[in-house]
Amino acid sequence: MYKNLIDMENIENSVKGTKFKVNLNMTPIDGVHLADVDWDVRVFTDSGSRSQSIKKNEAIKIDDDNYIIPIDSAICGPGTYFLTLSINIPDTHFADNIRTEVKTAPTGVTINNR
């Protein structure tokens, strides 16, 4: 569900305050693209209770299935970074005609606290 592209070299040696980007990529579900539905991302680390929320309109659209998620490590702090995507997919089998899917994946980024 996620394809992570880090837009800088040596991110593993970065410290709190570093800003980086992750590419969110989704294969269409039943012909539905990321551009067609409402979604948001929560960014968090394994070592803290803080998180950063990014709504669809705050992400940078590359195409219908790829969005760049800007992340500021000053918000979440040091640790290994993860994304949780909550996506609302049209589905007539549900009372409100929306099926919410939630997926969590690692970004591959660790920020140090130096």
C-alpha atoms as a PDB file:
ATOM      1  CA  MET A   1       0.000   0.000   0.000  1.00  0.00           C
ATOM      2  CA  TYR A   2       2.907   2.345   0.597  1.00  0.00           C
ATOM      3  CA  LYS A   3       5.895   3.157  -1.526  1.00  0.00           C
ATOM      4  CA  ASN A   4       8.376   5.227   0.420  1.00  0.00           C
ATOM      5  CA  LEU A   5      10.815   7.517  -1.326  1.00  0.00           C
ATOM      6  CA  ILE A   6      13.031   9.636   0.884  1.00  0.00           C
ATOM      7  CA  ASP A   7      14.016  12.916  -0.715  1.00  0.00           C
ATOM      8  CA  MET A   8      17.412  13.317   0.895  1.00  0.00           C
ATOM      9  CA  GLU A   9      20.670  11.467   1.418  1.00  0.00           C
ATOM     10  CA  ASN A  10      21.786   9.987   4.753  1.00  0.00           C
ATOM     11  CA  ILE A  11      18.408  10.475   6.413  1.00  0.00           C
ATOM     12  CA  GLU A  12      19.401   7.880   9.023  1.00  0.00           C
ATOM     13  CA  ASN A  13      21.945  10.354  10.445  1.00  0.00           C
ATOM     14  CA  SER A  14      19.402  13.164  10.738  1.00  0.00           C
ATOM     15  CA  VAL A  15      18.324  14.712  14.014  1.00  0.00           C
ATOM     16  CA  LYS A  16      15.120  16.180  15.415  1.00  0.00           C
ATOM     17  CA  GLY A  17      14.086  19.225  13.387  1.00  0.00           C
ATOM     18  CA  THR A  18      14.763  17.582  10.030  1.00  0.00           C
ATOM     19  CA  LYS A  19      11.983  17.935   7.473  1.00  0.00           C
ATOM     20  CA  PHE A  20      11.550  15.112   4.974  1.00  0.00           C
ATOM     21  CA  LYS A  21       9.054  13.771   2.440  1.00  0.00           C
ATOM     22  CA  VAL A  22       7.497  10.355   1.933  1.00  0.00           C
ATOM     23  CA  ASN A  23       5.705   9.257  -1.236  1.00  0.00           C
ATOM     24  CA  LEU A  24       2.301   7.715  -0.483  1.00  0.00           C
ATOM     25  CA  ASN A  25       1.382   5.378  -3.331  1.00  0.00           C
ATOM     26  CA  MET A  26      -1.790   3.305  -3.601  1.00  0.00           C
ATOM     27  CA  THR A  27      -2.907   0.829  -6.216  1.00  0.00           C
ATOM     28  CA  PRO A  28      -6.523   1.663  -7.120  1.00  0.00           C
ATOM     29  CA  ILE A  29      -9.138  -0.253  -5.115  1.00  0.00           C
ATOM     30  CA  ASP A  30     -12.076  -1.284  -7.326  1.00  0.00           C
ATOM     31  CA  GLY A  31     -10.975   1.429  -9.770  1.00  0.00           C
ATOM     32  CA  VAL A  32     -10.948   4.105  -7.050  1.00  0.00           C
ATOM     33  CA  HIS A  33      -7.836   6.298  -6.913  1.00  0.00           C
ATOM     34  CA  LEU A  34      -6.458   8.293  -3.971  1.00  0.00           C
ATOM     35  CA  ALA A  35      -7.504  11.432  -5.845  1.00  0.00           C
ATOM     36  CA  ASP A  36     -11.137  10.223  -5.895  1.00  0.00           C
ATOM     37  CA  VAL A  37     -11.656   9.743  -2.144  1.00  0.00           C
ATOM     38  CA  ASP A  38     -11.219  11.475   1.197  1.00  0.00           C
ATOM     39  CA  TRP A  39      -8.201  10.365   3.252  1.00  0.00           C
ATOM     40  CA  ASP A  40      -5.728  11.518   5.867  1.00  0.00           C
ATOM     41  CA  VAL A  41      -2.405  10.363   7.245  1.00  0.00           C
ATOM     42  CA  ARG A  42      -1.165  10.278  10.839  1.00  0.00           C
ATOM     43  CA  VAL A  43       2.631  10.283  11.231  1.00  0.00           C
ATOM     44  CA  PHE A  44       4.078   8.988  14.489  1.00  0.00           C
ATOM     45  CA  THR A  45       7.200   7.392  15.958  1.00  0.00           C
ATOM     46  CA  ASP A  46       7.799   4.258  17.978  1.00  0.00           C
ATOM     47  CA  SER A  47       9.323   6.272  20.827  1.00  0.00           C
ATOM     48  CA  GLY A  48       6.793   8.987  21.591  1.00  0.00           C
ATOM     49  CA  SER A  49       3.182   9.939  21.993  1.00  0.00           C
ATOM     50  CA  ARG A  50       3.208  12.923  19.621  1.00  0.00           C
ATOM     51  CA  SER A  51       1.916  12.703  16.065  1.00  0.00           C
ATOM     52  CA  GLN A  52       1.461  14.850  12.983  1.00  0.00           C
ATOM     53  CA  SER A  53      -1.765  14.743  10.964  1.00  0.00           C
ATOM     54  CA  ILE A  54      -1.753  15.492   7.248  1.00  0.00           C
ATOM     55  CA  LYS A  55      -4.999  15.844   5.341  1.00  0.00           C
ATOM     56  CA  LYS A  56      -5.303  15.090   1.637  1.00  0.00           C
ATOM     57  CA  ASN A  57      -5.396  18.811   0.765  1.00  0.00           C
ATOM     58  CA  GLU A  58      -2.103  19.351   2.660  1.00  0.00           C
ATOM     59  CA  ALA A  59      -0.253  16.679   0.664  1.00  0.00           C
ATOM     60  CA  ILE A  60       1.421  17.346  -2.680  1.00  0.00           C
ATOM     61  CA  LYS A  61      -0.340  15.550  -5.533  1.00  0.00           C
ATOM     62  CA  ILE A  62       1.967  13.854  -8.032  1.00  0.00           C
ATOM     63  CA  ASP A  63      -0.777  11.965  -9.880  1.00  0.00           C
ATOM     64  CA  ASP A  64      -4.076  10.252  -9.020  1.00  0.00           C
ATOM     65  CA  ASP A  65      -2.336   7.509  -7.010  1.00  0.00           C
ATOM     66  CA  ASN A  66       0.774   9.285  -5.645  1.00  0.00           C
ATOM     67  CA  TYR A  67       0.997  12.036  -3.058  1.00  0.00           C
ATOM     68  CA  ILE A  68       4.020  13.474  -1.275  1.00  0.00           C
ATOM     69  CA  ILE A  69       3.569  13.662   2.509  1.00  0.00           C
ATOM     70  CA  PRO A  70       5.686  16.427   4.128  1.00  0.00           C
ATOM     71  CA  ILE A  71       6.898  15.468   7.605  1.00  0.00           C
ATOM     72  CA  ASP A  72       8.478  17.714  10.235  1.00  0.00           C
ATOM     73  CA  SER A  73      10.419  15.723  12.824  1.00  0.00           C
ATOM     74  CA  ALA A  74      10.243  18.686  15.223  1.00  0.00           C
ATOM     75  CA  ILE A  75       6.561  17.762  15.688  1.00  0.00           C
ATOM     76  CA  CYS A  76       6.943  14.009  16.338  1.00  0.00           C
ATOM     77  CA  GLY A  77      10.457  13.971  17.750  1.00  0.00           C
ATOM     78  CA  PRO A  78      13.114  11.274  17.524  1.00  0.00           C
ATOM     79  CA  GLY A  79      12.402   7.634  16.735  1.00  0.00           C
ATOM     80  CA  THR A  80      11.443   5.341  13.875  1.00  0.00           C
ATOM     81  CA  TYR A  81       8.665   6.874  11.777  1.00  0.00           C
ATOM     82  CA  PHE A  82       5.402   5.222  10.721  1.00  0.00           C
ATOM     83  CA  LEU A  83       2.364   6.340   8.703  1.00  0.00           C
ATOM     84  CA  THR A  84      -1.259   5.398   9.302  1.00  0.00           C
ATOM     85  CA  LEU A  85      -3.504   5.998   6.299  1.00  0.00           C
ATOM     86  CA  SER A  86      -7.262   6.274   6.879  1.00  0.00           C
ATOM     87  CA  ILE A  87      -9.129   6.172   3.589  1.00  0.00           C
ATOM     88  CA  ASN A  88     -12.884   6.456   3.017  1.00  0.00           C
ATOM     89  CA  ILE A  89     -13.898   4.252   0.093  1.00  0.00           C
ATOM     90  CA  PRO A  90     -17.401   4.399  -1.429  1.00  0.00           C
ATOM     91  CA  ASP A  91     -19.186   1.103  -0.712  1.00  0.00           C
ATOM     92  CA  THR A  92     -22.947   0.576  -0.981  1.00  0.00           C
ATOM     93  CA  HIS A  93     -22.795  -2.387   1.415  1.00  0.00           C
ATOM     94  CA  PHE A  94     -22.441  -0.002   4.373  1.00  0.00           C
ATOM     95  CA  ALA A  95     -25.233   2.110   5.849  1.00  0.00           C
ATOM     96  CA  ASP A  96     -23.446   5.407   5.170  1.00  0.00           C
ATOM     97  CA  ASN A  97     -22.120   4.139   1.791  1.00  0.00           C
ATOM     98  CA  ILE A  98     -18.531   4.546   3.042  1.00  0.00           C
ATOM     99  CA  ARG A  99     -16.051   1.848   4.041  1.00  0.00           C
ATOM    100  CA  THR A 100     -13.099   3.162   6.054  1.00  0.00           C
ATOM    101  CA  GLU A 101      -9.846   1.263   5.661  1.00  0.00           C
ATOM    102  CA  VAL A 102      -6.919   1.928   7.972  1.00  0.00           C
ATOM    103  CA  LYS A 103      -3.396   0.796   7.104  1.00  0.00           C
ATOM    104  CA  THR A 104      -0.135   1.381   8.986  1.00  0.00           C
ATOM    105  CA  ALA A 105       3.329   1.061   7.452  1.00  0.00           C
ATOM    106  CA  PRO A 106       6.908   1.987   8.368  1.00  0.00           C
ATOM    107  CA  THR A 107       8.545   4.846   6.472  1.00  0.00           C
ATOM    108  CA  GLY A 108      12.062   3.487   6.817  1.00  0.00           C
ATOM    109  CA  VAL A 109      13.135   6.744   8.491  1.00  0.00           C
ATOM    110  CA  THR A 110      14.714   7.019  11.930  1.00  0.00           C
ATOM    111  CA  ILE A 111      15.479  10.416  13.473  1.00  0.00           C
ATOM    112  CA  ASN A 112      18.067  10.701  16.241  1.00  0.00           C
ATOM    113  CA  ASN A 113      17.887  12.968  19.278  1.00  0.00           C
ATOM    114  CA  ARG A 114      21.299  14.605  19.168  1.00  0.00           C
END
